[in-house]
Amino acid sequence: MKAKDLRLPALGVTAVTIIALGAAIKWYEQYSSSNLNVVTGKTEASRELTNFADHARDKRREEVDDLFQKAVIMLHSKQYDYAVVALHRVLELAPRMPEAHVNMGFAMLGRGDYSVARDFFQSAIDLKPQQVNAYYGLAEALEHECDIAGAIGAMRTYVHLAQDNDPYLRKARSALWEWESARNANSPTKDAGSCVEKSSKQEQQAE
């Protein structure tokens, strides 16, 4: 009895294995490719989101610049209410912009809202201690509130920080001289003197 020839069946098994392996490799390549496309797609989506964020940030910056410049013009023309509206929007978009806080303070000074003005000048200083004009505005606000000691302190800081060519430096020194003279003389005949007298009484009560 002849031994059964196993070569053909073995070849058949080998062929089937090769075909199956080839199919598996092809499926893996396609799977990997599809996964690669998904990853690439996510990367492109992230890039699109980044571009959108950059575009939105640029548009926001443009709006802030435009509104801020309009507010400056309104302040110079003493249209304080309109300046407040513009600066309010600026602060919504850029809440940590010290220049906007300062200008809002000056707008509030123009409207006679001295305590609100004081708070805006102080917040500008908190954000940027070297914001020179904030000290000038703070001194004016404090003077109107009859806090002469605070006004003198703020104006001294302004004089210390201001450049020699600062157009308001002379006025600041004049205000300092007036407040200090009135405080020393405690003169009720001057506007500053009446505030000094009131401020002194408040200090005594506080003590």
Foldseek 3Di string as FASTA:
>chain_A
DDDDDCPVVVVVVVVVVVVVVVVVVVVVVVVVVVVVVVVVVVVVVVVVVVVVVVVVVVVLVVLLVVLQVVLVVCVVVLVLVSSLVSLVVSCVSVVLDLVSLQSNLSSCVSVVVLVSSLVSLVSSCVSPVLPLVSLVSNLVSCLSVLQLVSSLVSLVSSLVNDDPPPPCNVVSVVVNVVLVVLLVVCDCVDSSSVSSVVNVVVVVVVD
